[in-house]
Protein backbone atom coordinates (compact mmCIF):
# COMPACT_ATOMS: atom_id res chain seq x y z
CA MET A 1 93.29 111.01 106.95
CA ASP A 2 97.23 110.53 104.86
CA CYS A 3 98.34 107.02 105.03
CA LYS A 4 101.51 106.47 103.23
CA THR A 5 101.48 103.13 102.18
CA GLN A 6 98.75 100.39 101.22
CA ARG A 7 99.50 98.09 104.18
CA GLU A 8 98.26 102.14 106.48
CA LEU A 9 95.09 102.54 104.37
CA ASP A 10 93.84 99.55 104.32
CA GLU A 11 94.62 98.82 108.13
CA TYR A 12 92.53 101.83 108.23
CA TRP A 13 90.03 100.88 106.41
CA GLU A 14 88.95 97.40 108.32
CA LYS A 15 89.20 99.20 111.29
CA LEU A 16 86.62 101.84 109.82
CA THR A 17 84.32 100.09 107.66
CA ARG A 18 83.90 97.15 110.30
CA GLY A 19 79.78 97.97 110.90
CA GLY A 20 79.94 101.06 108.78
CA LYS A 21 79.11 101.93 104.74
CA GLU A 22 81.89 101.80 102.50
CA GLU A 23 81.29 105.47 100.08
CA PRO A 24 83.21 106.65 96.84
CA CYS A 25 86.22 108.18 96.07
CA GLY A 26 88.00 106.98 99.51
CA TRP A 27 85.36 108.15 101.44
CA LEU A 28 83.26 105.68 104.21
CA LYS A 29 81.14 105.36 107.66
CA ASP A 30 82.13 104.06 110.66
CA LYS A 31 79.12 102.26 112.93
CA TYR A 32 78.80 105.29 114.47
CA GLY A 33 77.32 107.29 111.08
CA LEU A 34 80.32 109.32 111.14
CA SER A 35 82.62 110.32 107.84
CA TRP A 36 86.06 109.59 107.25
CA GLN A 37 88.41 109.66 103.94
CA ILE A 38 90.96 107.35 103.68
CA ASN A 39 93.65 108.44 100.99
CA PRO A 40 97.86 107.88 100.14
CA GLY A 41 99.86 111.25 100.71
CA ILE A 42 100.44 110.25 97.44
CA LEU A 43 97.01 111.63 96.21
CA GLY A 44 97.63 115.18 96.50
CA LYS A 45 100.75 114.34 93.91
CA LEU A 46 98.97 112.32 91.55
CA LEU A 47 96.04 114.48 90.81
CA SER A 48 97.52 117.98 91.30
CA ASP A 49 101.14 117.55 88.07
CA PRO A 50 101.22 118.99 85.47
CA ASP A 51 100.36 117.47 83.05
CA PRO A 52 96.51 117.45 83.09
CA ALA A 53 96.15 114.50 81.51
CA LYS A 54 97.67 112.14 83.66
CA SER A 55 95.83 114.11 86.84
CA LYS A 56 92.67 113.18 84.77
CA ARG A 57 93.42 109.77 83.88
CA VAL A 58 94.19 109.55 88.46
CA PHE A 59 90.98 110.92 89.03
CA GLU A 60 89.21 109.31 87.06
CA ALA A 61 90.57 106.39 88.37
CA MET A 62 89.59 107.44 91.33
CA LEU A 63 86.63 107.97 91.37
CA LYS A 64 85.75 104.39 89.98
CA MET A 65 87.35 103.50 93.57
CA LYS A 66 85.25 102.26 96.68
CA LYS A 67 88.38 102.77 99.01
CA ILE A 68 91.77 103.40 97.22
CA ASP A 69 94.61 101.21 95.12
CA ILE A 70 97.60 103.02 95.30
CA ALA A 71 99.22 100.36 92.48
CA THR A 72 95.88 101.44 90.34
CA LEU A 73 96.46 105.15 90.58
CA GLU A 74 100.18 105.31 89.84
CA ARG A 75 99.14 103.00 86.60
CA ALA A 76 96.73 105.51 85.94
CA TYR A 77 99.38 108.43 86.56
CA GLU A 78 101.73 106.13 84.25
CA GLY A 79 98.79 105.42 81.47
CA ARG A 80 99.33 102.45 81.54
């Protein structure tokens, strides 16, 4: 599922994890055991940046997350 804002991502995450299970890198299982990946649309742009250092920082930040946090990804991208 591709979300445009953190608020949209948070809403889907909250609804789908209710009775389910959070998993790494934006993945979750809903109460029926179905797997979903909830990601912001900007993630693909950040990961495919031509500067490998930027994309690596974003990828490494994402690996530490369950629910994706856009602001954290953007800070990693900028090197902060």
